Structure formats: C-alpha cells, structure tokens
Protein backbone atom coordinates (compact mmCIF):
# COMPACT_ATOMS: atom_id res chain seq x y z
CA UNK A 1 -27.74 0.84 -5.33
CA UNK A 2 -26.73 -2.01 -3.04
CA UNK A 3 -28.87 -4.52 -4.93
CA UNK A 4 -27.90 -3.30 -8.37
CA UNK A 5 -24.16 -3.07 -7.74
CA UNK A 6 -23.94 -6.02 -5.32
CA UNK A 7 -22.14 -4.43 -2.40
CA UNK A 8 -24.69 -4.96 0.36
CA UNK A 9 -23.13 -6.23 3.61
CA UNK A 10 -19.67 -5.11 2.50
CA UNK A 11 -19.26 -3.53 5.93
CA UNK A 12 -18.91 -7.15 7.15
CA UNK A 13 -16.40 -8.11 4.42
CA UNK A 14 -13.55 -10.13 5.96
CA UNK A 15 -11.75 -11.70 2.97
CA UNK A 16 -8.81 -9.27 3.19
CA UNK A 17 -5.59 -10.51 4.83
CA UNK A 18 -5.05 -7.75 7.37
CA UNK A 19 -1.48 -8.82 8.10
CA UNK A 20 -0.56 -8.12 4.49
CA UNK A 21 -2.89 -5.11 4.27
CA UNK A 22 -2.95 -3.48 7.74
CA UNK A 23 -4.31 -0.29 6.16
CA UNK A 24 -7.63 -2.12 5.58
CA UNK A 25 -9.20 -0.99 8.85
CA UNK A 26 -12.85 -1.19 9.85
CA UNK A 27 -13.05 2.56 9.25
CA UNK A 28 -11.70 2.25 5.71
CA UNK A 29 -14.04 -0.64 5.00
CA UNK A 30 -17.01 1.46 6.11
CA UNK A 31 -15.84 4.38 3.98
CA UNK A 32 -15.52 2.10 0.93
CA UNK A 33 -19.09 0.96 1.54
CA UNK A 34 -20.44 4.49 1.76
CA UNK A 35 -18.77 5.90 -1.37
CA UNK A 36 -21.17 4.42 -3.98
CA UNK A 37 -24.18 5.19 -1.78
CA UNK A 38 -23.27 8.87 -1.60
CA UNK A 39 -22.58 8.92 -5.34
CA UNK A 40 -25.90 7.27 -6.16
CA UNK A 41 -27.88 9.59 -3.86
CA UNK A 42 -26.21 12.63 -5.42
CA UNK A 43 -27.18 11.51 -8.94
CA UNK A 44 -30.76 10.84 -7.86
CA UNK A 45 -31.35 13.97 -5.78
CA UNK A 46 -29.82 16.30 -8.35
CA UNK A 47 -31.38 14.57 -11.37
CA UNK A 48 -27.99 14.10 -13.01
CA UNK A 49 -27.40 12.00 -16.12
CA UNK A 50 -27.11 8.30 -15.30
CA UNK A 51 -24.07 8.24 -17.58
CA UNK A 52 -22.21 9.96 -14.73
CA UNK A 53 -22.05 6.54 -13.11
CA UNK A 54 -19.58 5.68 -15.88
CA UNK A 55 -17.91 8.90 -16.95
CA UNK A 56 -17.90 11.25 -13.95
CA UNK A 57 -14.60 12.87 -13.03
CA UNK A 58 -15.59 13.12 -9.38
CA UNK A 59 -16.40 10.94 -6.40
CA UNK A 60 -17.14 11.38 -2.69
CA UNK A 61 -14.53 10.81 0.01
CA UNK A 62 -13.91 11.23 3.70
CA UNK A 63 -10.45 11.46 5.26
CA UNK A 64 -10.04 7.65 5.46
CA UNK A 65 -10.87 7.11 1.83
CA UNK A 66 -8.92 10.16 0.67
CA UNK A 67 -5.82 8.77 2.38
CA UNK A 68 -6.35 5.40 0.69
CA UNK A 69 -6.68 7.12 -2.69
CA UNK A 70 -3.52 9.19 -2.19
CA UNK A 71 -5.41 12.48 -2.05
CA UNK A 72 -3.43 15.11 -0.10
CA UNK A 73 -4.38 15.74 3.51
CA UNK A 74 -6.49 18.76 4.32
CA UNK A 75 -8.94 18.43 1.44
CA UNK A 76 -11.54 16.84 3.75
CA UNK A 77 -11.70 16.83 7.53
CA UNK A 78 -11.86 13.56 9.46
CA UNK A 79 -15.57 13.80 10.24
CA UNK A 80 -17.03 14.92 6.92
CA UNK A 81 -17.65 13.65 3.43
CA UNK A 82 -17.00 15.90 0.46
CA UNK A 83 -17.32 15.79 -3.29
CA UNK A 84 -13.87 15.47 -4.82
CA UNK A 85 -13.47 16.80 -8.38
CA UNK A 86 -10.71 16.01 -10.88
CA UNK A 87 -10.62 12.54 -9.37
CA UNK A 88 -9.02 11.11 -12.53
CA UNK A 89 -5.75 12.68 -11.35
CA UNK A 90 -5.78 9.96 -8.68
CA UNK A 91 -7.18 7.18 -10.86
CA UNK A 92 -10.77 7.62 -9.60
CA UNK A 93 -14.10 9.01 -10.78
CA UNK A 94 -17.46 7.30 -11.26
CA UNK A 95 -18.24 3.73 -10.26
CA UNK A 96 -15.57 1.74 -12.09
CA UNK A 97 -12.50 2.48 -9.91
CA UNK A 98 -14.32 2.61 -6.55
CA UNK A 99 -12.38 0.50 -4.07
CA UNK A 100 -15.48 -1.24 -2.71
CA UNK A 101 -15.98 -3.08 -6.01
CA UNK A 102 -12.27 -3.70 -6.57
CA UNK A 103 -11.95 -5.17 -3.05
CA UNK A 104 -15.14 -7.19 -3.04
CA UNK A 105 -14.18 -8.78 -6.35
CA UNK A 106 -10.70 -9.86 -5.24
CA UNK A 107 -9.90 -13.03 -3.23
CA UNK A 108 -7.75 -11.24 -0.64
CA UNK A 109 -4.13 -11.92 -1.61
CA UNK A 110 -4.44 -11.38 -5.32
CA UNK A 111 -6.63 -9.55 -7.76
CA UNK A 112 -9.25 -11.30 -9.88
CA UNK A 113 -9.71 -9.99 -13.42
CA UNK A 114 -12.37 -12.69 -13.79
CA UNK A 115 -14.49 -11.43 -10.89
CA UNK A 116 -13.92 -7.77 -11.68
CA UNK A 117 -14.73 -8.22 -15.37
CA UNK A 118 -17.75 -10.36 -14.54
CA UNK A 119 -19.00 -7.64 -12.18
CA UNK A 120 -18.87 -5.07 -15.01
CA UNK A 121 -20.71 -7.18 -17.59
CA UNK A 122 -23.21 -8.63 -15.11
CA UNK A 123 -24.00 -5.66 -12.88
CA UNK A 124 -23.45 -2.71 -15.22
CA UNK A 125 -24.37 -4.25 -18.59
CA UNK A 126 -26.87 -6.93 -17.51
CA UNK A 127 -25.27 -9.80 -19.41
CA UNK A 128 -26.37 -13.31 -18.48
CA UNK A 129 -23.36 -15.55 -17.94
CA UNK A 130 -23.86 -19.30 -17.29
CA UNK A 131 -22.14 -20.81 -14.24
CA UNK A 132 -18.63 -22.21 -14.78
CA UNK A 133 -18.26 -25.89 -15.62
CA UNK A 134 -17.24 -28.28 -12.82
CA UNK A 135 -13.59 -29.05 -12.10
CA UNK A 136 -12.22 -25.73 -13.32
CA UNK A 137 -8.59 -25.54 -12.06
CA UNK A 138 -8.18 -22.92 -9.34
CA UNK A 139 -5.57 -20.19 -9.49
CA UNK A 140 -3.28 -19.81 -6.44
CA UNK A 141 -4.84 -17.73 -3.66
CA UNK A 142 -1.67 -15.65 -3.30
CA UNK A 143 -0.54 -13.50 -6.22
CA UNK A 144 3.07 -13.83 -5.10
CA UNK A 145 2.89 -17.62 -5.64
CA UNK A 146 1.92 -17.67 -9.30
CA UNK A 147 5.41 -18.80 -10.23
CA UNK A 148 6.79 -17.59 -13.53
CA UNK A 149 3.36 -16.82 -14.98
CA UNK A 150 1.65 -13.48 -14.62
CA UNK A 151 -2.04 -13.52 -13.76
CA UNK A 152 -2.77 -12.45 -17.34
CA UNK A 153 -0.84 -15.49 -18.66
CA UNK A 154 -2.55 -17.83 -16.21
CA UNK A 155 -5.95 -16.62 -17.40
CA UNK A 156 -4.92 -17.12 -21.02
CA UNK A 157 -4.31 -20.79 -20.19
CA UNK A 158 -7.85 -20.98 -18.79
CA UNK A 159 -9.18 -19.77 -22.11
CA UNK A 160 -7.40 -22.61 -23.91
CA UNK A 161 -10.17 -24.89 -22.61
CA UNK A 162 -13.08 -24.81 -25.06
CA UNK A 163 -15.63 -25.05 -22.24
CA UNK A 164 -14.21 -21.89 -20.64
CA UNK A 165 -13.25 -19.73 -23.61
CA UNK A 166 -16.72 -18.64 -24.76
CA UNK A 167 -17.67 -17.00 -21.48
CA UNK A 168 -14.24 -15.78 -20.39
CA UNK A 169 -13.77 -13.90 -23.64
CA UNK A 170 -16.78 -11.80 -22.64
CA UNK A 171 -15.25 -10.43 -19.45
CA UNK A 172 -11.59 -11.39 -18.83
CA UNK A 173 -10.23 -8.53 -20.92
CA UNK A 174 -12.49 -6.04 -19.16
CA UNK A 175 -11.17 -7.26 -15.81
CA UNK A 176 -7.54 -6.97 -16.90
CA UNK A 177 -7.74 -3.18 -17.18
CA UNK A 178 -8.15 -3.08 -13.37
CA UNK A 179 -4.75 -4.70 -12.76
CA UNK A 180 -3.42 -1.24 -11.88
CA UNK A 181 -5.43 -1.63 -8.66
CA UNK A 182 -4.40 -4.16 -6.02
CA UNK A 183 -6.52 -6.46 -3.83
CA UNK A 184 -7.93 -3.58 -1.76
CA UNK A 185 -8.29 -1.16 -4.65
CA UNK A 186 -4.95 0.56 -4.05
CA UNK A 187 -3.12 1.90 -7.10
CA UNK A 188 -0.01 -0.05 -7.99
CA UNK A 189 2.73 -0.45 -10.59
CA UNK A 190 3.73 -4.03 -9.66
CA UNK A 191 1.78 -7.07 -8.52
CA UNK A 192 2.46 -8.87 -5.22
CA UNK A 193 5.05 -11.02 -6.97
CA UNK A 194 7.00 -7.93 -8.03
CA UNK A 195 6.00 -8.19 -11.70
CA UNK A 196 5.01 -5.02 -13.59
CA UNK A 197 1.27 -4.91 -14.17
CA UNK A 198 -0.14 -4.71 -17.68
CA UNK A 199 -3.49 -2.91 -18.07
CA UNK A 200 -3.90 -3.27 -21.83
CA UNK A 201 -6.79 -5.28 -23.23
CA UNK A 202 -8.73 -6.13 -26.34
CA UNK A 203 -12.38 -5.63 -25.47
CA UNK A 204 -15.22 -7.77 -26.87
CA UNK A 205 -15.76 -6.69 -30.46
CA UNK A 206 -12.07 -6.05 -31.10
CA UNK A 207 -11.60 -2.58 -29.59
CA UNK A 208 -8.22 -2.17 -27.89
CA UNK A 209 -7.66 -0.10 -24.80
CA UNK A 210 -5.55 0.46 -21.70
CA UNK A 211 -6.71 1.07 -18.16
CA UNK A 212 -9.99 2.26 -16.70
CA UNK A 213 -10.06 5.41 -18.84
CA UNK A 214 -10.23 3.41 -22.05
CA UNK A 215 -12.76 1.02 -20.51
CA UNK A 216 -15.00 4.04 -19.86
CA UNK A 217 -14.68 5.10 -23.50
CA UNK A 218 -15.46 1.56 -24.68
CA UNK A 219 -18.57 1.30 -22.50
CA UNK A 220 -19.87 4.73 -23.51
CA UNK A 221 -19.14 4.22 -27.21
CA UNK A 222 -20.07 0.57 -27.72
CA UNK A 223 -22.18 -0.52 -24.72
CA UNK A 224 -24.06 2.64 -23.72
CA UNK A 225 -27.52 1.33 -24.60
CA UNK A 226 -26.92 -1.91 -22.69
CA UNK A 227 -25.89 0.05 -19.61
CA UNK A 228 -28.98 2.28 -19.72
CA UNK A 229 -31.37 -0.62 -20.44
CA UNK A 230 -29.95 -2.66 -17.56
CA UNK A 231 -30.13 0.25 -15.11
CA UNK A 232 -33.74 1.00 -16.05
CA UNK A 233 -34.72 -2.65 -15.63
CA UNK A 234 -33.09 -2.76 -12.21
CA UNK A 235 -34.87 0.44 -11.14
CA UNK A 236 -38.28 -0.73 -12.40
CA UNK A 237 -37.97 -4.16 -10.81
CA UNK A 238 -36.87 -2.64 -7.50
CA UNK A 239 -39.67 -0.05 -7.57
CA UNK A 240 -42.33 -2.68 -8.31
CA UNK A 241 -40.89 -5.13 -5.79
CA UNK A 242 -40.99 -8.08 -8.18
CA UNK A 243 -39.35 -9.65 -11.21
CA UNK A 244 -40.17 -8.07 -14.55
CA UNK A 245 -42.79 -9.59 -16.84
CA UNK A 246 -43.55 -9.10 -20.52
CA UNK A 247 -46.18 -6.43 -19.93
CA UNK A 248 -43.54 -4.24 -18.26
CA UNK A 249 -41.69 -3.73 -21.55
CA UNK A 250 -43.75 -0.67 -22.54
CA UNK A 251 -42.94 1.00 -19.20
CA UNK A 252 -39.25 0.18 -19.62
CA UNK A 253 -39.18 1.67 -23.14
C-alpha cells in the first residue's frame, strides 16, 4: 500500500507550517499515515472488491482523525481505531479524500491541484507523465499571496504554454475537485486568501463534474479498467520483487 500509493515515510512529513496549522500534531500525522494502511488491510483480509478503494462509503478513524474530519466526539475512544460508515456525510470514504494524500500533495501553505491530480492519474490509474520542462514559472508558496488570481486561474495561465498544456490537461482538472480540502486535508469553503473555492471540473474526455463524488463516478464509469490493471500490475510486481517483463502479461490477464 505504501509503495503503490506513495505515502511511505509520511510519519516524518514536515512540510506543513505548524504556526498556520497548529492542529497538525505528530499524533494527527501518525493517524493520517495509518488510515490507508487499515483500509488496505481490511480489503485484503476480508476479500472485498478492489473497487472499494474508489467507491467505499466508509473509512477507519481514531479520535485524532475523527476530530480532524469533524466527526462528533464519542464515536471512537482515544485509544482505538474503528470503521466509520456513512463517511460521505463528512466528505470522506475510500482513498480519494484521505487526508494523508491531500496533505502530502500540498506544498504547506496552499493546495496543489497539480500534485493532487498527478497523484490520481499516476498512482491510481498508472499513467506515465513525462517530467515538466525546465524553467516552468513557480506559483507562490502561500495561497493567500496569489493576488487577484485564484489558483484555478493561475493554473489556466500555465496551460497557455504549449509545452505544458498537453500534460496538464490530463490531471489539472482532476486535482481541482479537491479544492474543497485545504493544505492538511481539512474541509473548507474558502481558500487561504478568503476566496470561495470552486470544485467543478471538466475531466479528460469531456465529462463534467463537481467535487470528489463526481470524480469517483468518472473513475468508475470511464477509467475503471485502467484502475484495476494498474493495481494488478503493482501487486504482481511487488509480489515478485522485480519490475514486470513481457512474459508476465499472461499472469496479469
């Protein structure tokens, strides 16, 4: 799970500005790290459908994580983890809105639709994206210092460059649906500059959607086979302890 979803060593993650986000404690960071592990183990041990990684309406929380997600006190005790159902009522459920991925793929004082969208297409769908060209202009590190532009508008300017547009069109829109989650995966209505967030997007292929719920539908309807193929390849490669070769294709099928 850690290799596939790229969250190994998150328990050492220190990119968050703790003055701006004092709620990001070591205990919360550890809980964020454990959430996908417990979810993955539950799917494996109980032989559940791998599509639950995308469409489950549950997750696993302890008291620290429940507090971060706005789940009422008393549902879990401070020393235990519990399965939490109807998680969509709090914007959670499955892998996509887990705060470990939202936090790891954010620079600290702003969100990053680029990194979050890239994580989805690279880690969940297995797309190969070439590295960015040199001298790409950097966005401000602090979301509150974007000036009059929203992050969505700043990214649109990036896509005006021909050398950037081809790749960014494959994942920027996917990342934009996560704008309802701040730099540490907290739910929000406004960005750090006080601007209302916009979670609408036009996904690759022309499908329109809004928020993580519609991203789930898009992935399950239009990208399901890519998700399954990528997961199987990751599992086979990990099990064999080596990169895949042509003769592995029969096993994968």
